[in-house]
Amino acid sequence: MITEGRKPIMFDRSLQPEWFDFALALVCSVQQESQRRVALTEYLRPRLKGAVTLEKTVRQLLRALGAKSKIAAATLARTLAEMRALSPPDREPVRLRLLLASNEFVFDCAMVAVRIHALGTDGITMAQLTERISDAYGHRGTVPRRVRHVLQMLRAFGGLTHGGHRWCPTSTLVVALEDSTLRDTRP
C-alpha cells in the first residue's frame, strides 16, 4: 500500500553484478516468466541463505529485468549483445547504466550522491543521502536500510568507492547517469 505523498521504493535487496548478468542472459533467452523464476532460484540457491532472502532477491531481479521491467525487451537484448562483445572488466559501465535504468530508487540515490559530491564535499555519508532520499520517498523506517543496500550495490557495480564512512561517486557513475539512453528507458 502506498501512502499519499510517498513514492514507491520497489527495491529491497542488494544485487551482485554476476547475478545481474545471469538474469539479463536468462531474460533474453527464456520467454516464460515462470521458467525464469525457477532458473534464477536454482542459480541463486547456493549463493544465498534463507528462503525469504532467496525469494526476494529473485523478485528484485525479475522486477528489474523481467516482464515487469521498465526496460523494453529489445533494449535488454541490445545491452546483452553489447556486454558480450566486451571483456568482463569493460562491461562495468554498461551494467551500471542498465542497473540505473532498471529501478527509479537506485537511479535517484545515485543522482543525489553525485549532486552532493558535486558541491565539493569530500565524499557523502549515508546520513546525508538518506536525508535527501527521505524527502522524496517519505520519512519511514525502511529508507535507511534500502539506501544502505543501494550504496553497497553501487559499490559492487563500480559506481561508488568507500572509505572512512564516506562514499564517492566514480566517473563511471557520472557518465552512466548522463547517458541519454537512460532517459529512453525511463517512463
N, C-alpha and C. Protein backbone atom coordinates (compact mmCIF):
# COMPACT_ATOMS: atom_id res chain seq x y z
N MET A 1 0.83 -1.17 0.00
CA MET A 1 0.00 0.00 0.00
C MET A 1 0.88 1.24 0.00
N ILE A 2 0.57 2.19 -0.86
CA ILE A 2 1.33 3.42 -0.97
C ILE A 2 0.55 4.53 -0.28
N THR A 3 1.18 5.13 0.71
CA THR A 3 0.57 6.25 1.40
C THR A 3 0.73 7.49 0.54
N GLU A 4 -0.27 8.34 0.52
CA GLU A 4 -0.23 9.54 -0.30
C GLU A 4 1.02 10.35 0.03
N GLY A 5 1.67 10.85 -1.01
CA GLY A 5 2.86 11.66 -0.84
C GLY A 5 4.14 10.86 -0.83
N ARG A 6 4.04 9.55 -0.86
CA ARG A 6 5.23 8.69 -0.86
C ARG A 6 5.37 8.01 -2.21
N LYS A 7 6.57 8.09 -2.74
CA LYS A 7 6.85 7.33 -3.96
C LYS A 7 7.15 5.89 -3.56
N PRO A 8 6.73 4.93 -4.36
CA PRO A 8 7.07 3.54 -4.03
C PRO A 8 8.56 3.28 -4.24
N ILE A 9 9.17 2.56 -3.33
CA ILE A 9 10.60 2.28 -3.42
C ILE A 9 10.88 1.13 -4.38
N MET A 10 10.14 0.06 -4.27
CA MET A 10 10.28 -1.09 -5.17
C MET A 10 11.71 -1.64 -5.22
N PHE A 11 12.38 -1.59 -4.08
CA PHE A 11 13.75 -2.07 -4.01
C PHE A 11 14.03 -2.49 -2.57
N ASP A 12 14.50 -3.72 -2.37
CA ASP A 12 14.81 -4.12 -1.01
C ASP A 12 15.97 -5.11 -0.90
N ARG A 13 16.69 -5.34 -1.96
CA ARG A 13 17.81 -6.28 -1.93
C ARG A 13 19.00 -5.72 -2.69
N SER A 14 20.17 -5.93 -2.15
CA SER A 14 21.39 -5.58 -2.85
C SER A 14 21.73 -6.73 -3.80
N LEU A 15 22.00 -6.40 -5.03
CA LEU A 15 22.29 -7.40 -6.06
C LEU A 15 23.77 -7.39 -6.39
N GLN A 16 24.27 -8.52 -6.82
CA GLN A 16 25.66 -8.63 -7.24
C GLN A 16 25.74 -8.56 -8.76
N PRO A 17 26.83 -8.02 -9.30
CA PRO A 17 26.94 -7.89 -10.76
C PRO A 17 26.77 -9.21 -11.51
N GLU A 18 27.34 -10.30 -10.99
CA GLU A 18 27.22 -11.58 -11.69
C GLU A 18 25.78 -12.10 -11.68
N TRP A 19 25.01 -11.80 -10.66
CA TRP A 19 23.60 -12.18 -10.63
C TRP A 19 22.84 -11.39 -11.69
N PHE A 20 23.18 -10.13 -11.78
CA PHE A 20 22.54 -9.25 -12.76
C PHE A 20 22.83 -9.75 -14.17
N ASP A 21 24.08 -10.12 -14.43
CA ASP A 21 24.47 -10.64 -15.74
C ASP A 21 23.72 -11.93 -16.07
N PHE A 22 23.64 -12.83 -15.09
CA PHE A 22 22.93 -14.08 -15.30
C PHE A 22 21.46 -13.82 -15.61
N ALA A 23 20.84 -12.93 -14.84
CA ALA A 23 19.42 -12.61 -15.05
C ALA A 23 19.20 -11.99 -16.41
N LEU A 24 20.09 -11.12 -16.85
CA LEU A 24 19.96 -10.49 -18.17
C LEU A 24 20.02 -11.55 -19.27
N ALA A 25 20.99 -12.44 -19.20
CA ALA A 25 21.09 -13.50 -20.20
C ALA A 25 19.87 -14.41 -20.17
N LEU A 26 19.38 -14.70 -18.99
CA LEU A 26 18.21 -15.56 -18.83
C LEU A 26 16.97 -14.90 -19.43
N VAL A 27 16.75 -13.64 -19.12
CA VAL A 27 15.58 -12.92 -19.62
C VAL A 27 15.59 -12.85 -21.15
N CYS A 28 16.77 -12.74 -21.72
CA CYS A 28 16.88 -12.64 -23.18
C CYS A 28 16.76 -13.99 -23.87
N SER A 29 16.89 -15.09 -23.12
CA SER A 29 16.84 -16.41 -23.76
C SER A 29 15.60 -17.24 -23.37
N VAL A 30 14.95 -16.91 -22.28
CA VAL A 30 13.78 -17.67 -21.82
C VAL A 30 12.57 -16.75 -21.84
N GLN A 31 11.51 -17.17 -22.51
CA GLN A 31 10.34 -16.32 -22.67
C GLN A 31 9.37 -16.36 -21.50
N GLN A 32 9.18 -17.52 -20.88
CA GLN A 32 8.21 -17.67 -19.81
C GLN A 32 8.75 -17.15 -18.48
N GLU A 33 8.01 -16.26 -17.85
CA GLU A 33 8.43 -15.69 -16.57
C GLU A 33 8.56 -16.77 -15.49
N SER A 34 7.69 -17.76 -15.51
CA SER A 34 7.76 -18.83 -14.51
C SER A 34 9.06 -19.64 -14.67
N GLN A 35 9.48 -19.87 -15.91
CA GLN A 35 10.74 -20.58 -16.14
C GLN A 35 11.93 -19.73 -15.72
N ARG A 36 11.85 -18.43 -15.93
CA ARG A 36 12.91 -17.52 -15.48
C ARG A 36 13.03 -17.59 -13.96
N ARG A 37 11.88 -17.57 -13.28
CA ARG A 37 11.87 -17.60 -11.82
C ARG A 37 12.53 -18.89 -11.31
N VAL A 38 12.19 -20.01 -11.91
CA VAL A 38 12.77 -21.29 -11.49
C VAL A 38 14.27 -21.30 -11.73
N ALA A 39 14.71 -20.86 -12.90
CA ALA A 39 16.14 -20.86 -13.22
C ALA A 39 16.92 -19.92 -12.30
N LEU A 40 16.37 -18.75 -12.03
CA LEU A 40 17.04 -17.81 -11.12
C LEU A 40 17.10 -18.38 -9.71
N THR A 41 16.04 -19.00 -9.27
CA THR A 41 16.02 -19.60 -7.94
C THR A 41 17.09 -20.67 -7.81
N GLU A 42 17.20 -21.52 -8.81
CA GLU A 42 18.22 -22.58 -8.79
C GLU A 42 19.63 -22.00 -8.83
N TYR A 43 19.82 -20.95 -9.61
CA TYR A 43 21.13 -20.29 -9.71
C TYR A 43 21.53 -19.65 -8.37
N LEU A 44 20.58 -18.98 -7.72
CA LEU A 44 20.88 -18.23 -6.50
C LEU A 44 20.85 -19.07 -5.23
N ARG A 45 20.18 -20.21 -5.26
CA ARG A 45 20.03 -21.03 -4.05
C ARG A 45 21.36 -21.28 -3.33
N PRO A 46 22.44 -21.70 -4.00
CA PRO A 46 23.69 -21.93 -3.27
C PRO A 46 24.41 -20.63 -2.86
N ARG A 47 23.97 -19.51 -3.37
CA ARG A 47 24.64 -18.24 -3.10
C ARG A 47 23.99 -17.43 -1.98
N LEU A 48 22.78 -17.79 -1.61
CA LEU A 48 22.02 -17.03 -0.61
C LEU A 48 21.53 -17.94 0.50
N LYS A 49 21.43 -17.39 1.68
CA LYS A 49 20.92 -18.14 2.83
C LYS A 49 19.50 -17.69 3.12
N GLY A 50 18.63 -18.65 3.30
CA GLY A 50 17.26 -18.37 3.69
C GLY A 50 16.30 -18.28 2.53
N ALA A 51 15.15 -18.88 2.71
CA ALA A 51 14.13 -18.92 1.66
C ALA A 51 13.56 -17.54 1.36
N VAL A 52 13.38 -16.72 2.38
CA VAL A 52 12.82 -15.38 2.17
C VAL A 52 13.81 -14.51 1.39
N THR A 53 15.06 -14.56 1.78
CA THR A 53 16.09 -13.79 1.07
C THR A 53 16.17 -14.23 -0.39
N LEU A 54 16.13 -15.52 -0.62
CA LEU A 54 16.18 -16.06 -1.97
C LEU A 54 14.99 -15.55 -2.79
N GLU A 55 13.80 -15.68 -2.25
CA GLU A 55 12.59 -15.25 -2.98
C GLU A 55 12.61 -13.75 -3.26
N LYS A 56 13.01 -12.95 -2.30
CA LYS A 56 13.02 -11.50 -2.50
C LYS A 56 14.09 -11.09 -3.52
N THR A 57 15.21 -11.78 -3.53
CA THR A 57 16.26 -11.47 -4.49
C THR A 57 15.82 -11.84 -5.91
N VAL A 58 15.20 -12.99 -6.06
CA VAL A 58 14.67 -13.39 -7.37
C VAL A 58 13.64 -12.37 -7.84
N ARG A 59 12.74 -11.99 -6.95
CA ARG A 59 11.72 -11.00 -7.30
C ARG A 59 12.35 -9.66 -7.71
N GLN A 60 13.39 -9.26 -6.99
CA GLN A 60 14.07 -7.99 -7.31
C GLN A 60 14.70 -8.06 -8.71
N LEU A 61 15.35 -9.15 -9.02
CA LEU A 61 15.98 -9.31 -10.34
C LEU A 61 14.93 -9.34 -11.45
N LEU A 62 13.84 -10.05 -11.22
CA LEU A 62 12.79 -10.12 -12.25
C LEU A 62 12.06 -8.79 -12.40
N ARG A 63 11.93 -8.04 -11.32
CA ARG A 63 11.32 -6.71 -11.41
C ARG A 63 12.24 -5.78 -12.21
N ALA A 64 13.53 -5.94 -12.05
CA ALA A 64 14.50 -5.09 -12.75
C ALA A 64 14.61 -5.44 -14.24
N LEU A 65 14.61 -6.74 -14.54
CA LEU A 65 14.91 -7.17 -15.91
C LEU A 65 13.84 -8.04 -16.56
N GLY A 66 12.88 -8.51 -15.80
CA GLY A 66 11.88 -9.44 -16.32
C GLY A 66 10.69 -8.76 -16.96
N ALA A 67 9.57 -9.44 -16.93
CA ALA A 67 8.35 -8.97 -17.60
C ALA A 67 7.84 -7.65 -17.04
N LYS A 68 8.10 -7.37 -15.77
CA LYS A 68 7.64 -6.12 -15.15
C LYS A 68 8.65 -4.98 -15.26
N SER A 69 9.74 -5.23 -15.96
CA SER A 69 10.79 -4.23 -16.09
C SER A 69 10.31 -3.01 -16.87
N LYS A 70 10.86 -1.86 -16.53
CA LYS A 70 10.59 -0.63 -17.27
C LYS A 70 11.37 -0.59 -18.58
N ILE A 71 12.32 -1.50 -18.72
CA ILE A 71 13.19 -1.52 -19.88
C ILE A 71 12.62 -2.47 -20.93
N ALA A 72 12.52 -1.99 -22.15
CA ALA A 72 11.96 -2.79 -23.24
C ALA A 72 12.83 -4.01 -23.52
N ALA A 73 12.20 -5.09 -23.95
CA ALA A 73 12.91 -6.33 -24.26
C ALA A 73 13.99 -6.12 -25.33
N ALA A 74 13.70 -5.28 -26.31
CA ALA A 74 14.69 -5.00 -27.36
C ALA A 74 15.92 -4.31 -26.78
N THR A 75 15.71 -3.41 -25.84
CA THR A 75 16.84 -2.72 -25.19
C THR A 75 17.65 -3.71 -24.37
N LEU A 76 16.99 -4.62 -23.67
CA LEU A 76 17.71 -5.64 -22.91
C LEU A 76 18.55 -6.52 -23.83
N ALA A 77 17.99 -6.90 -24.97
CA ALA A 77 18.72 -7.74 -25.92
C ALA A 77 19.94 -6.99 -26.49
N ARG A 78 19.76 -5.72 -26.81
CA ARG A 78 20.89 -4.91 -27.31
C ARG A 78 21.97 -4.78 -26.25
N THR A 79 21.55 -4.59 -25.01
CA THR A 79 22.51 -4.45 -23.92
C THR A 79 23.28 -5.75 -23.71
N LEU A 80 22.59 -6.88 -23.78
CA LEU A 80 23.27 -8.16 -23.64
C LEU A 80 24.29 -8.36 -24.75
N ALA A 81 23.92 -8.04 -25.98
CA ALA A 81 24.85 -8.16 -27.11
C ALA A 81 26.06 -7.24 -26.91
N GLU A 82 25.81 -6.04 -26.44
CA GLU A 82 26.89 -5.09 -26.18
C GLU A 82 27.83 -5.63 -25.10
N MET A 83 27.27 -6.20 -24.05
CA MET A 83 28.10 -6.74 -22.97
C MET A 83 28.91 -7.95 -23.43
N ARG A 84 28.32 -8.79 -24.24
CA ARG A 84 29.03 -9.98 -24.72
C ARG A 84 30.19 -9.62 -25.64
N ALA A 85 30.12 -8.46 -26.26
CA ALA A 85 31.19 -8.02 -27.15
C ALA A 85 32.37 -7.42 -26.37
N LEU A 86 32.19 -7.21 -25.08
CA LEU A 86 33.23 -6.61 -24.24
C LEU A 86 33.85 -7.65 -23.33
N SER A 87 35.09 -7.39 -22.93
CA SER A 87 35.72 -8.25 -21.93
C SER A 87 35.05 -7.97 -20.58
N PRO A 88 35.07 -8.93 -19.65
CA PRO A 88 34.39 -8.73 -18.37
C PRO A 88 34.71 -7.41 -17.65
N PRO A 89 35.97 -6.98 -17.56
CA PRO A 89 36.22 -5.70 -16.87
C PRO A 89 35.62 -4.48 -17.61
N ASP A 90 35.47 -4.59 -18.92
CA ASP A 90 34.95 -3.47 -19.70
C ASP A 90 33.42 -3.39 -19.67
N ARG A 91 32.77 -4.36 -19.06
CA ARG A 91 31.30 -4.39 -19.00
C ARG A 91 30.72 -3.50 -17.91
N GLU A 92 31.56 -3.05 -17.00
CA GLU A 92 31.08 -2.30 -15.84
C GLU A 92 30.20 -1.09 -16.21
N PRO A 93 30.60 -0.23 -17.14
CA PRO A 93 29.75 0.92 -17.46
C PRO A 93 28.39 0.52 -18.06
N VAL A 94 28.38 -0.52 -18.87
CA VAL A 94 27.14 -0.98 -19.50
C VAL A 94 26.21 -1.55 -18.44
N ARG A 95 26.77 -2.36 -17.56
CA ARG A 95 25.99 -2.97 -16.48
C ARG A 95 25.44 -1.88 -15.55
N LEU A 96 26.25 -0.90 -15.22
CA LEU A 96 25.82 0.19 -14.34
C LEU A 96 24.70 1.00 -14.98
N ARG A 97 24.83 1.27 -16.25
CA ARG A 97 23.78 2.00 -16.98
C ARG A 97 22.45 1.23 -16.94
N LEU A 98 22.53 -0.06 -17.14
CA LEU A 98 21.33 -0.90 -17.10
C LEU A 98 20.73 -0.94 -15.69
N LEU A 99 21.57 -1.05 -14.68
CA LEU A 99 21.10 -1.04 -13.30
C LEU A 99 20.36 0.25 -12.99
N LEU A 100 20.91 1.37 -13.38
CA LEU A 100 20.28 2.67 -13.11
C LEU A 100 18.94 2.81 -13.82
N ALA A 101 18.86 2.26 -15.02
CA ALA A 101 17.61 2.34 -15.78
C ALA A 101 16.54 1.40 -15.23
N SER A 102 16.97 0.37 -14.51
CA SER A 102 16.03 -0.67 -14.07
C SER A 102 15.22 -0.31 -12.83
N ASN A 103 15.67 0.68 -12.06
CA ASN A 103 14.96 0.98 -10.82
C ASN A 103 15.09 2.47 -10.49
N GLU A 104 13.97 3.12 -10.32
CA GLU A 104 13.94 4.56 -10.06
C GLU A 104 14.59 4.91 -8.72
N PHE A 105 14.41 4.08 -7.71
CA PHE A 105 15.02 4.35 -6.40
C PHE A 105 16.54 4.33 -6.50
N VAL A 106 17.09 3.34 -7.18
CA VAL A 106 18.54 3.24 -7.37
C VAL A 106 19.03 4.46 -8.16
N PHE A 107 18.32 4.81 -9.22
CA PHE A 107 18.67 5.98 -10.03
C PHE A 107 18.67 7.24 -9.17
N ASP A 108 17.62 7.42 -8.37
CA ASP A 108 17.52 8.62 -7.54
C ASP A 108 18.64 8.69 -6.50
N CYS A 109 18.97 7.57 -5.88
CA CYS A 109 20.07 7.53 -4.91
C CYS A 109 21.39 7.91 -5.58
N ALA A 110 21.64 7.35 -6.75
CA ALA A 110 22.86 7.66 -7.47
C ALA A 110 22.92 9.13 -7.86
N MET A 111 21.81 9.67 -8.33
CA MET A 111 21.76 11.07 -8.73
C MET A 111 22.01 11.99 -7.54
N VAL A 112 21.39 11.70 -6.40
CA VAL A 112 21.60 12.51 -5.20
C VAL A 112 23.06 12.42 -4.76
N ALA A 113 23.65 11.24 -4.79
CA ALA A 113 25.05 11.07 -4.40
C ALA A 113 25.97 11.92 -5.28
N VAL A 114 25.72 11.91 -6.56
CA VAL A 114 26.55 12.70 -7.49
C VAL A 114 26.34 14.20 -7.25
N ARG A 115 25.11 14.61 -7.02
CA ARG A 115 24.84 16.04 -6.77
C ARG A 115 25.48 16.53 -5.48
N ILE A 116 25.39 15.74 -4.42
CA ILE A 116 26.02 16.13 -3.15
C ILE A 116 27.53 16.22 -3.34
N HIS A 117 28.09 15.23 -4.01
CA HIS A 117 29.53 15.22 -4.24
C HIS A 117 29.97 16.41 -5.10
N ALA A 118 29.14 16.81 -6.04
CA ALA A 118 29.46 17.94 -6.92
C ALA A 118 29.53 19.26 -6.16
N LEU A 119 28.95 19.31 -4.98
CA LEU A 119 29.00 20.53 -4.16
C LEU A 119 30.37 20.73 -3.52
N GLY A 120 31.27 19.79 -3.76
CA GLY A 120 32.63 19.93 -3.26
C GLY A 120 32.88 19.19 -1.96
N THR A 121 31.98 18.33 -1.57
CA THR A 121 32.19 17.57 -0.34
C THR A 121 33.24 16.49 -0.57
N ASP A 122 33.86 16.11 0.51
CA ASP A 122 34.86 15.04 0.46
C ASP A 122 34.14 13.71 0.67
N GLY A 123 33.32 13.35 -0.30
CA GLY A 123 32.50 12.16 -0.18
C GLY A 123 31.20 12.48 0.53
N ILE A 124 30.30 11.55 0.50
CA ILE A 124 28.99 11.73 1.13
C ILE A 124 28.80 10.66 2.18
N THR A 125 28.00 10.96 3.16
CA THR A 125 27.71 9.97 4.19
C THR A 125 26.35 9.34 3.90
N MET A 126 26.13 8.20 4.50
CA MET A 126 24.84 7.54 4.34
C MET A 126 23.74 8.42 4.91
N ALA A 127 24.03 9.12 6.01
CA ALA A 127 23.03 10.00 6.62
C ALA A 127 22.62 11.13 5.67
N GLN A 128 23.58 11.71 4.96
CA GLN A 128 23.25 12.76 4.01
C GLN A 128 22.35 12.23 2.90
N LEU A 129 22.72 11.09 2.38
CA LEU A 129 21.94 10.50 1.29
C LEU A 129 20.54 10.10 1.78
N THR A 130 20.47 9.49 2.95
CA THR A 130 19.18 9.08 3.49
C THR A 130 18.26 10.28 3.71
N GLU A 131 18.81 11.36 4.22
CA GLU A 131 18.01 12.57 4.45
C GLU A 131 17.41 13.09 3.16
N ARG A 132 18.21 13.17 2.11
CA ARG A 132 17.72 13.69 0.83
C ARG A 132 16.71 12.74 0.18
N ILE A 133 16.98 11.44 0.26
CA ILE A 133 16.06 10.46 -0.33
C ILE A 133 14.75 10.42 0.44
N SER A 134 14.81 10.57 1.76
CA SER A 134 13.59 10.58 2.57
C SER A 134 12.67 11.74 2.20
N ASP A 135 13.24 12.84 1.75
CA ASP A 135 12.41 13.96 1.31
C ASP A 135 11.53 13.56 0.13
N ALA A 136 12.04 12.72 -0.73
CA ALA A 136 11.29 12.30 -1.92
C ALA A 136 10.42 11.07 -1.66
N TYR A 137 10.91 10.14 -0.85
CA TYR A 137 10.23 8.87 -0.66
C TYR A 137 9.48 8.76 0.67
N GLY A 138 9.55 9.79 1.47
CA GLY A 138 8.86 9.77 2.75
C GLY A 138 9.79 9.35 3.87
N HIS A 139 9.55 9.89 5.02
CA HIS A 139 10.36 9.57 6.20
C HIS A 139 9.76 8.33 6.84
N ARG A 140 10.35 7.20 6.50
CA ARG A 140 9.88 5.93 7.02
C ARG A 140 11.08 5.06 7.38
N GLY A 141 10.85 4.12 8.23
CA GLY A 141 11.93 3.31 8.76
C GLY A 141 12.68 2.46 7.76
N THR A 142 12.08 2.16 6.63
CA THR A 142 12.74 1.29 5.65
C THR A 142 13.74 2.03 4.77
N VAL A 143 13.67 3.34 4.72
CA VAL A 143 14.54 4.10 3.82
C VAL A 143 16.02 3.93 4.14
N PRO A 144 16.47 4.07 5.39
CA PRO A 144 17.92 3.91 5.65
C PRO A 144 18.47 2.55 5.23
N ARG A 145 17.72 1.49 5.50
CA ARG A 145 18.18 0.14 5.13
C ARG A 145 18.29 0.01 3.62
N ARG A 146 17.32 0.53 2.93
CA ARG A 146 17.33 0.43 1.47
C ARG A 146 18.40 1.32 0.85
N VAL A 147 18.65 2.47 1.43
CA VAL A 147 19.76 3.31 0.96
C VAL A 147 21.07 2.57 1.16
N ARG A 148 21.23 1.90 2.30
CA ARG A 148 22.45 1.13 2.55
C ARG A 148 22.63 0.04 1.49
N HIS A 149 21.54 -0.64 1.13
CA HIS A 149 21.61 -1.65 0.07
C HIS A 149 22.05 -1.04 -1.26
N VAL A 150 21.51 0.12 -1.58
CA VAL A 150 21.88 0.78 -2.84
C VAL A 150 23.36 1.16 -2.82
N LEU A 151 23.83 1.72 -1.72
CA LEU A 151 25.25 2.08 -1.63
C LEU A 151 26.15 0.87 -1.82
N GLN A 152 25.81 -0.23 -1.16
CA GLN A 152 26.59 -1.46 -1.30
C GLN A 152 26.56 -1.96 -2.74
N MET A 153 25.39 -1.90 -3.35
CA MET A 153 25.25 -2.40 -4.71
C MET A 153 26.00 -1.51 -5.70
N LEU A 154 25.88 -0.20 -5.56
CA LEU A 154 26.60 0.70 -6.46
C LEU A 154 28.11 0.53 -6.31
N ARG A 155 28.56 0.22 -5.12
CA ARG A 155 29.99 -0.07 -4.93
C ARG A 155 30.37 -1.34 -5.68
N ALA A 156 29.56 -2.39 -5.56
CA ALA A 156 29.84 -3.65 -6.24
C ALA A 156 29.80 -3.49 -7.76
N PHE A 157 28.98 -2.58 -8.24
CA PHE A 157 28.84 -2.35 -9.68
C PHE A 157 29.85 -1.32 -10.20
N GLY A 158 30.71 -0.80 -9.34
CA GLY A 158 31.75 0.13 -9.77
C GLY A 158 31.30 1.58 -9.83
N GLY A 159 30.18 1.91 -9.23
CA GLY A 159 29.68 3.28 -9.27
C GLY A 159 30.11 4.15 -8.11
N LEU A 160 30.53 3.53 -7.02
CA LEU A 160 30.96 4.26 -5.83
C LEU A 160 32.21 3.63 -5.26
N THR A 161 32.99 4.44 -4.59
CA THR A 161 34.09 3.94 -3.76
C THR A 161 33.73 4.28 -2.32
N HIS A 162 34.34 3.56 -1.38
CA HIS A 162 34.01 3.76 0.03
C HIS A 162 35.27 3.81 0.86
N GLY A 163 35.30 4.75 1.77
CA GLY A 163 36.42 4.85 2.70
C GLY A 163 36.11 5.86 3.79
N GLY A 164 36.42 5.52 5.02
CA GLY A 164 36.23 6.45 6.12
C GLY A 164 34.79 6.89 6.32
N HIS A 165 33.85 5.99 6.15
CA HIS A 165 32.41 6.28 6.31
C HIS A 165 31.88 7.25 5.26
N ARG A 166 32.61 7.40 4.18
CA ARG A 166 32.15 8.29 3.11
C ARG A 166 32.17 7.54 1.79
N TRP A 167 31.23 7.91 0.94
CA TRP A 167 31.07 7.30 -0.36
C TRP A 167 31.38 8.34 -1.42
N CYS A 168 32.14 7.96 -2.43
CA CYS A 168 32.49 8.88 -3.51
C CYS A 168 32.05 8.30 -4.85
N PRO A 169 31.30 9.06 -5.63
CA PRO A 169 30.91 8.58 -6.96
C PRO A 169 32.14 8.44 -7.87
N THR A 170 32.13 7.43 -8.70
CA THR A 170 33.19 7.25 -9.68
C THR A 170 32.80 7.96 -10.97
N SER A 171 33.78 8.16 -11.82
CA SER A 171 33.48 8.78 -13.12
C SER A 171 32.56 7.88 -13.93
N THR A 172 32.64 6.57 -13.72
CA THR A 172 31.76 5.64 -14.41
C THR A 172 30.29 5.91 -14.07
N LEU A 173 30.02 6.20 -12.80
CA LEU A 173 28.66 6.50 -12.38
C LEU A 173 28.18 7.81 -12.99
N VAL A 174 29.02 8.81 -12.98
CA VAL A 174 28.65 10.11 -13.55
C VAL A 174 28.31 9.97 -15.03
N VAL A 175 29.14 9.25 -15.76
CA VAL A 175 28.90 9.05 -17.19
C VAL A 175 27.61 8.26 -17.41
N ALA A 176 27.39 7.22 -16.59
CA ALA A 176 26.17 6.41 -16.73
C ALA A 176 24.92 7.25 -16.48
N LEU A 177 24.97 8.14 -15.51
CA LEU A 177 23.82 8.99 -15.23
C LEU A 177 23.56 10.00 -16.34
N GLU A 178 24.61 10.42 -17.01
CA GLU A 178 24.47 11.39 -18.11
C GLU A 178 24.07 10.74 -19.42
N ASP A 179 24.15 9.41 -19.49
CA ASP A 179 23.88 8.68 -20.73
C ASP A 179 22.44 8.91 -21.18
N SER A 180 22.28 9.32 -22.41
CA SER A 180 20.95 9.64 -22.93
C SER A 180 20.07 8.39 -23.06
N THR A 181 20.65 7.20 -23.16
CA THR A 181 19.83 6.01 -23.28
C THR A 181 19.07 5.73 -21.99
N LEU A 182 19.56 6.24 -20.85
CA LEU A 182 18.82 6.09 -19.61
C LEU A 182 17.47 6.77 -19.72
N ARG A 183 17.48 7.94 -20.30
CA ARG A 183 16.22 8.69 -20.43
C ARG A 183 15.25 7.96 -21.35
N ASP A 184 15.76 7.19 -22.30
CA ASP A 184 14.89 6.46 -23.23
C ASP A 184 14.19 5.29 -22.56
N THR A 185 14.76 4.76 -21.49
CA THR A 185 14.19 3.57 -20.87
C THR A 185 13.32 3.92 -19.66
N ARG A 186 13.39 5.13 -19.18
CA ARG A 186 12.61 5.52 -18.01
C ARG A 186 11.30 6.16 -18.46
N PRO A 187 10.21 5.91 -17.71
CA PRO A 187 8.91 6.46 -18.09
C PRO A 187 8.89 7.98 -17.98
